[in-house]
Amino acid sequence: MNQQVKFRKAATLEFQALEGRPTAATLTIKTCDLLDLTTAVVDATATVDPVNTTVDAACGKSQDNPRQIKLAATTSIRIGGRYLLTGAQGSERAEIMGIASGDYVTARNPLKYDYAPGATFVGTRLTYALTAGNAQSPDGDCDTDFRAEWTYTVDGETYIRETLYDVTRHPWFRMADEVGLKRWNRDLLSRWEEEGNTDWNADLDEAFARIIEIAEANGWYPGAILGMDKLAVATYWQLAFTKALGGSVPPHSATDPADWLDRCERELGKALDIAEKTITWIDKDQDNEKDAQETGAALRVKRLSP
């Protein structure tokens, strides 16, 4: 799923280096047609996450609190940020949900490994500040699939990775959340929590990304609709469908998991059909004007062109 950038508004492009903490990074941006931006961005310096510290007390799965990470410093660590923790037993990503300044951080999920003092805790995120003047196509309009090429060095090796972003007047956003998930089906939520699931934001982000893919394949343009809440139930059923594919089945369907999988797929289809009939366009053709067809009209037919 592409990152969304609001038309002619400054934005921060992001990329997570999977190989480790980069020591240096640059960025080159082109349009989907490989043209330069309004102001060319070629081998521009990208910012490396400054977090680079160590564990200063034993932590990990064997501790009383397996989510607590004692650190030598907490400077620049962000709530919601994901950091790479590396020790003798292995490495893992930790999403941070709490910070005790200068002392420790709290991970969203229990750690998989144990870590001794000296284990490294680093940020691997690269960012670039896209100017408002470059948040548009060269001809001054919205467009999709801008190509951001990140070049960076980790442990002496150079890597090149590409991410895509869209420039839109109306960025999409996820309305489905943990509170709504609990209201939608408390029993399923409890079941998943019993199975050790606690990272609901990540799961819902993944489910919503799939809904966006389905919507775009159907000819919708999710970035130009009013009523993102209409996609919430579809997002919950997509999450249930993904869980079912992974073998998570509620007790009442334990004897026939295939039937539960079929139900999830059927209900997902129904939820998308309802959304299609109730979502309202606010700027279907993205001309930044609301015409008669876009005023209070529910989406009754699929959009066939971007």
Protein backbone atom coordinates (compact mmCIF):
# COMPACT_ATOMS: atom_id res chain seq x y z
CA MET A 1 0.00 0.00 0.00
CA ASN A 2 1.44 3.34 -1.06
CA GLN A 3 2.11 6.14 1.40
CA GLN A 4 -0.40 8.97 0.98
CA VAL A 5 0.73 12.59 0.57
CA LYS A 6 -1.76 15.44 0.64
CA PHE A 7 -1.71 17.64 -2.46
CA ARG A 8 0.63 20.64 -2.10
CA LYS A 9 1.22 19.99 1.61
CA ALA A 10 4.65 19.31 3.09
CA ALA A 11 5.02 15.68 4.17
CA THR A 12 7.55 13.23 5.57
CA LEU A 13 8.40 10.20 3.45
CA GLU A 14 9.43 7.15 5.48
CA PHE A 15 11.23 3.86 5.00
CA GLN A 16 12.32 1.14 7.42
CA ALA A 17 15.68 -0.46 6.59
CA LEU A 18 15.29 -4.16 7.34
CA GLU A 19 19.02 -4.91 7.33
CA GLY A 20 19.89 -2.79 10.37
CA ARG A 21 20.74 0.81 11.26
CA PRO A 22 22.04 2.75 8.22
CA THR A 23 25.12 4.92 8.64
CA ALA A 24 24.24 7.09 5.64
CA ALA A 25 21.34 7.36 3.21
CA THR A 26 20.24 9.29 0.13
CA LEU A 27 16.98 9.54 -1.79
CA THR A 28 16.04 10.05 -5.44
CA ILE A 29 12.40 10.68 -6.40
CA LYS A 30 10.79 10.29 -9.81
CA THR A 31 7.21 10.27 -11.06
CA CYS A 32 5.63 7.03 -12.24
CA ASP A 33 6.84 8.04 -15.72
CA LEU A 34 10.39 8.55 -14.38
CA LEU A 35 10.25 12.33 -14.68
CA ASP A 36 11.83 14.68 -12.14
CA LEU A 37 9.68 16.49 -9.58
CA THR A 38 8.97 20.22 -9.85
CA THR A 39 12.26 20.70 -7.99
CA ALA A 40 14.41 17.67 -8.77
CA VAL A 41 15.27 15.37 -5.86
CA VAL A 42 18.37 13.40 -6.85
CA ASP A 43 20.70 11.82 -4.30
CA ALA A 44 19.28 14.09 -1.60
CA THR A 45 20.35 13.36 1.97
CA ALA A 46 17.85 11.31 3.94
CA THR A 47 17.69 11.48 7.73
CA VAL A 48 18.69 8.38 9.71
CA ASP A 49 16.81 7.68 12.93
CA PRO A 50 19.16 8.94 15.70
CA VAL A 51 18.27 6.23 18.21
CA ASN A 52 21.42 4.17 18.85
CA THR A 53 21.71 2.90 22.42
CA THR A 54 22.20 -0.28 24.44
CA VAL A 55 20.42 -2.41 27.01
CA ASP A 56 21.79 -1.69 30.50
CA ALA A 57 20.02 -4.42 32.53
CA ALA A 58 18.79 -7.93 31.76
CA CYS A 59 15.44 -7.94 29.94
CA GLY A 60 13.38 -10.21 27.75
CA LYS A 61 11.10 -13.22 27.82
CA SER A 62 12.47 -14.65 31.10
CA GLN A 63 11.89 -11.47 33.12
CA ASP A 64 8.82 -10.72 35.23
CA ASN A 65 7.84 -8.05 32.74
CA PRO A 66 8.88 -9.38 29.29
CA ARG A 67 7.79 -6.13 27.62
CA GLN A 68 10.12 -3.84 29.63
CA ILE A 69 13.44 -2.87 28.00
CA LYS A 70 16.00 -1.20 30.26
CA LEU A 71 18.14 1.22 28.23
CA ALA A 72 21.20 3.37 28.72
CA ALA A 73 19.31 6.27 27.11
CA THR A 74 15.79 6.95 25.83
CA THR A 75 16.56 10.11 23.86
CA SER A 76 14.65 10.45 20.55
CA ILE A 77 12.63 7.25 21.05
CA ARG A 78 9.04 7.72 19.82
CA ILE A 79 5.78 6.23 21.05
CA GLY A 80 4.61 3.98 18.23
CA GLY A 81 8.13 3.75 16.79
CA ARG A 82 9.58 0.38 15.85
CA TYR A 83 13.18 -0.36 16.86
CA LEU A 84 15.63 -3.19 16.25
CA LEU A 85 16.80 -5.04 19.36
CA THR A 86 19.78 -7.36 18.90
CA GLY A 87 21.43 -9.71 21.40
CA ALA A 88 23.18 -13.06 21.62
CA GLN A 89 19.96 -15.04 21.05
CA GLY A 90 18.76 -13.10 18.03
CA SER A 91 17.08 -9.93 16.82
CA GLU A 92 13.52 -8.63 16.83
CA ARG A 93 11.53 -5.48 16.20
CA ALA A 94 9.92 -3.82 19.20
CA GLU A 95 7.07 -1.33 18.83
CA ILE A 96 7.19 1.10 21.74
CA MET A 97 4.03 2.01 23.63
CA GLY A 98 5.54 3.60 26.76
CA ILE A 99 8.67 5.52 27.79
CA ALA A 100 10.11 6.09 31.27
CA SER A 101 12.54 8.86 30.40
CA GLY A 102 16.18 7.90 30.94
CA ASP A 103 15.26 4.49 32.37
CA TYR A 104 13.28 2.06 30.19
CA VAL A 105 10.73 1.65 27.41
CA THR A 106 7.74 -0.67 27.20
CA ALA A 107 7.16 -2.75 24.10
CA ARG A 108 3.68 -3.45 22.77
CA ASN A 109 4.30 -7.21 22.79
CA PRO A 110 6.38 -9.52 25.02
CA LEU A 111 9.94 -9.97 23.76
CA LYS A 112 10.82 -13.24 22.04
CA TYR A 113 14.39 -13.42 23.35
CA ASP A 114 16.43 -12.57 26.43
CA TYR A 115 18.90 -9.68 26.28
CA ALA A 116 21.93 -9.02 28.45
CA PRO A 117 23.51 -5.61 29.12
CA GLY A 118 25.24 -4.39 25.98
CA ALA A 119 22.58 -5.65 23.55
CA THR A 120 21.86 -2.99 20.95
CA PHE A 121 18.64 -1.01 20.54
CA VAL A 122 18.61 1.06 17.34
CA GLY A 123 16.31 2.93 15.01
CA THR A 124 16.34 1.90 11.35
CA ARG A 125 13.85 4.44 9.99
CA LEU A 126 14.86 6.74 7.15
CA THR A 127 12.92 9.95 6.51
CA TYR A 128 12.88 12.74 3.98
CA ALA A 129 11.04 16.08 4.23
CA LEU A 130 9.05 16.50 1.02
CA THR A 131 8.30 20.16 0.39
CA ALA A 132 4.82 21.47 -0.38
CA GLY A 133 6.04 22.52 -3.81
CA ASN A 134 7.05 18.93 -4.61
CA ALA A 135 3.80 17.40 -3.29
CA GLN A 136 2.37 17.42 -6.80
CA SER A 137 3.13 16.15 -10.29
CA PRO A 138 5.40 18.23 -12.56
CA ASP A 139 2.29 19.61 -14.28
CA GLY A 140 0.84 20.71 -10.93
CA ASP A 141 -1.74 17.97 -10.29
CA CYS A 142 -2.31 14.83 -8.24
CA ASP A 143 -0.82 11.53 -9.35
CA THR A 144 -0.05 8.01 -8.14
CA ASP A 145 3.01 5.80 -7.81
CA PHE A 146 5.75 8.36 -7.30
CA ARG A 147 8.98 6.36 -6.97
CA ALA A 148 11.21 7.01 -3.97
CA GLU A 149 14.55 5.23 -4.32
CA TRP A 150 16.43 4.91 -1.02
CA THR A 151 20.16 4.16 -1.11
CA TYR A 152 21.78 3.38 2.23
CA THR A 153 24.71 1.61 3.87
CA VAL A 154 24.49 -0.94 6.70
CA ASP A 155 27.64 -2.62 8.07
CA GLY A 156 29.60 -1.60 5.00
CA GLU A 157 27.07 -3.00 2.51
CA THR A 158 25.09 -0.70 0.20
CA TYR A 159 21.41 -1.36 -0.43
CA ILE A 160 18.90 0.19 -2.83
CA ARG A 161 15.19 -0.08 -2.06
CA GLU A 162 12.15 1.54 -3.65
CA THR A 163 8.89 2.71 -2.10
CA LEU A 164 5.86 4.29 -3.76
CA TYR A 165 3.62 7.15 -2.71
CA ASP A 166 0.51 8.87 -4.05
CA VAL A 167 -0.33 12.56 -4.06
CA THR A 168 -4.05 13.06 -3.44
CA ARG A 169 -6.33 15.87 -2.34
CA HIS A 170 -8.18 13.52 0.00
CA PRO A 171 -5.92 10.94 1.72
CA TRP A 172 -7.65 7.81 2.99
CA PHE A 173 -7.60 6.88 6.67
CA ARG A 174 -8.59 3.87 8.75
CA MET A 175 -11.71 4.26 10.89
CA ALA A 176 -11.63 0.68 12.21
CA ASP A 177 -10.00 0.50 15.65
CA GLU A 178 -9.75 -1.76 18.69
CA VAL A 179 -12.81 -0.23 20.36
CA GLY A 180 -14.88 -0.83 17.23
CA LEU A 181 -13.47 -4.34 16.91
CA LYS A 182 -14.62 -5.14 20.43
CA ARG A 183 -18.12 -3.80 19.70
CA TRP A 184 -18.25 -5.73 16.44
CA ASN A 185 -17.43 -9.13 17.95
CA ARG A 186 -16.25 -9.30 21.55
CA ASP A 187 -16.05 -13.11 21.50
CA LEU A 188 -13.70 -13.20 18.52
CA LEU A 189 -11.51 -10.50 20.06
CA SER A 190 -11.25 -12.51 23.29
CA ARG A 191 -10.37 -15.63 21.31
CA TRP A 192 -7.57 -13.86 19.48
CA GLU A 193 -6.25 -12.38 22.73
CA GLU A 194 -6.16 -15.91 24.20
CA GLU A 195 -3.99 -16.90 21.24
CA GLY A 196 -1.54 -14.17 22.21
CA ASN A 197 -2.59 -11.41 19.82
CA THR A 198 -2.14 -7.91 21.26
CA ASP A 199 -0.88 -5.77 18.35
CA TRP A 200 -4.27 -4.66 17.05
CA ASN A 201 -3.06 -1.54 15.27
CA ALA A 202 -0.66 -3.55 13.11
CA ASP A 203 -3.33 -6.17 12.35
CA LEU A 204 -5.96 -3.56 11.50
CA ASP A 205 -3.47 -1.65 9.33
CA GLU A 206 -2.80 -4.84 7.40
CA ALA A 207 -6.51 -5.63 7.05
CA PHE A 208 -7.33 -2.08 5.94
CA ALA A 209 -4.49 -2.15 3.40
CA ARG A 210 -6.11 -5.24 1.88
CA ILE A 211 -9.50 -3.50 1.79
CA ILE A 212 -7.91 -0.57 -0.04
CA GLU A 213 -6.40 -3.00 -2.57
CA ILE A 214 -9.81 -4.61 -3.15
CA ALA A 215 -11.48 -1.21 -3.45
CA GLU A 216 -8.96 -0.01 -6.03
CA ALA A 217 -9.26 -3.27 -7.98
CA ASN A 218 -13.03 -2.66 -8.08
CA GLY A 219 -12.47 0.75 -9.63
CA TRP A 220 -13.05 2.86 -6.51
CA TYR A 221 -10.72 5.65 -5.51
CA PRO A 222 -10.64 5.45 -1.68
CA GLY A 223 -8.79 8.76 -1.34
CA ALA A 224 -11.79 10.71 -2.62
CA ILE A 225 -14.70 9.43 -0.53
CA LEU A 226 -16.62 10.62 2.46
CA GLY A 227 -17.54 7.98 5.00
CA MET A 228 -14.45 5.88 5.67
CA ASP A 229 -16.48 4.45 8.57
CA LYS A 230 -18.43 2.50 5.94
CA LEU A 231 -15.31 0.40 5.44
CA ALA A 232 -14.86 -0.43 9.13
CA VAL A 233 -16.98 -3.61 9.18
CA ALA A 234 -15.30 -4.80 6.00
CA THR A 235 -11.94 -4.26 7.72
CA TYR A 236 -13.04 -6.38 10.71
CA TRP A 237 -14.21 -9.21 8.43
CA GLN A 238 -10.96 -8.99 6.47
CA LEU A 239 -9.07 -9.40 9.75
CA ALA A 240 -11.24 -12.41 10.66
CA PHE A 241 -10.68 -13.90 7.19
CA THR A 242 -6.89 -13.47 7.50
CA LYS A 243 -6.94 -15.06 10.96
CA ALA A 244 -9.03 -17.96 9.62
CA LEU A 245 -6.53 -18.54 6.80
CA GLY A 246 -3.88 -18.80 9.53
CA GLY A 247 -5.90 -21.45 11.39
CA SER A 248 -7.61 -19.30 14.03
CA VAL A 249 -11.15 -20.64 14.38
CA PRO A 250 -13.72 -19.83 17.10
CA PRO A 251 -14.86 -22.76 19.31
CA HIS A 252 -18.28 -23.02 17.66
CA SER A 253 -16.59 -23.79 14.31
CA ALA A 254 -13.77 -25.97 15.60
CA THR A 255 -15.25 -29.09 13.99
CA ASP A 256 -15.66 -27.41 10.61
CA PRO A 257 -12.98 -24.74 10.08
CA ALA A 258 -13.66 -24.66 6.33
CA ASP A 259 -17.22 -23.50 7.01
CA TRP A 260 -15.92 -20.63 9.18
CA LEU A 261 -13.47 -19.62 6.46
CA ASP A 262 -16.31 -19.61 3.91
CA ARG A 263 -18.48 -17.51 6.22
CA CYS A 264 -15.72 -14.95 6.70
CA GLU A 265 -15.32 -14.65 2.94
CA ARG A 266 -19.09 -14.30 2.41
CA GLU A 267 -19.48 -11.69 5.14
CA LEU A 268 -16.50 -9.75 3.79
CA GLY A 269 -18.18 -9.65 0.39
CA LYS A 270 -21.45 -8.46 1.94
CA ALA A 271 -19.70 -5.73 3.94
CA LEU A 272 -17.94 -4.45 0.81
CA ASP A 273 -21.23 -4.48 -1.11
CA ILE A 274 -22.92 -2.42 1.61
CA ALA A 275 -19.99 0.01 1.63
CA GLU A 276 -20.23 0.40 -2.14
CA LYS A 277 -23.88 1.41 -1.85
CA THR A 278 -23.46 3.85 1.04
CA ILE A 279 -20.09 5.59 0.55
CA THR A 280 -20.40 9.17 -0.69
CA TRP A 281 -17.92 10.84 -3.02
CA ILE A 282 -16.65 14.26 -2.02
CA ASP A 283 -14.44 14.81 -5.08
CA LYS A 284 -14.70 11.81 -7.36
CA ASP A 285 -12.69 13.27 -10.24
CA GLN A 286 -10.23 15.10 -7.93
CA ASP A 287 -10.70 18.43 -9.70
CA ASN A 288 -11.01 20.12 -6.29
CA GLU A 289 -14.59 21.15 -7.08
CA LYS A 290 -17.82 19.53 -5.93
CA ASP A 291 -20.17 19.17 -8.89
CA ALA A 292 -23.80 18.05 -8.95
CA GLN A 293 -22.96 14.36 -9.22
CA GLU A 294 -20.66 14.56 -6.22
CA THR A 295 -23.02 16.47 -3.92
CA GLY A 296 -24.75 14.09 -1.53
CA ALA A 297 -24.79 11.26 -4.04
CA ALA A 298 -24.01 7.76 -2.80
CA LEU A 299 -21.67 5.68 -4.89
CA ARG A 300 -24.03 3.45 -6.90
CA VAL A 301 -21.63 2.50 -9.71
CA LYS A 302 -17.97 1.69 -9.63
CA ARG A 303 -15.47 4.25 -10.76
CA LEU A 304 -13.71 3.03 -13.89
CA SER A 305 -10.77 5.45 -14.13
CA PRO A 306 -8.47 7.20 -11.62
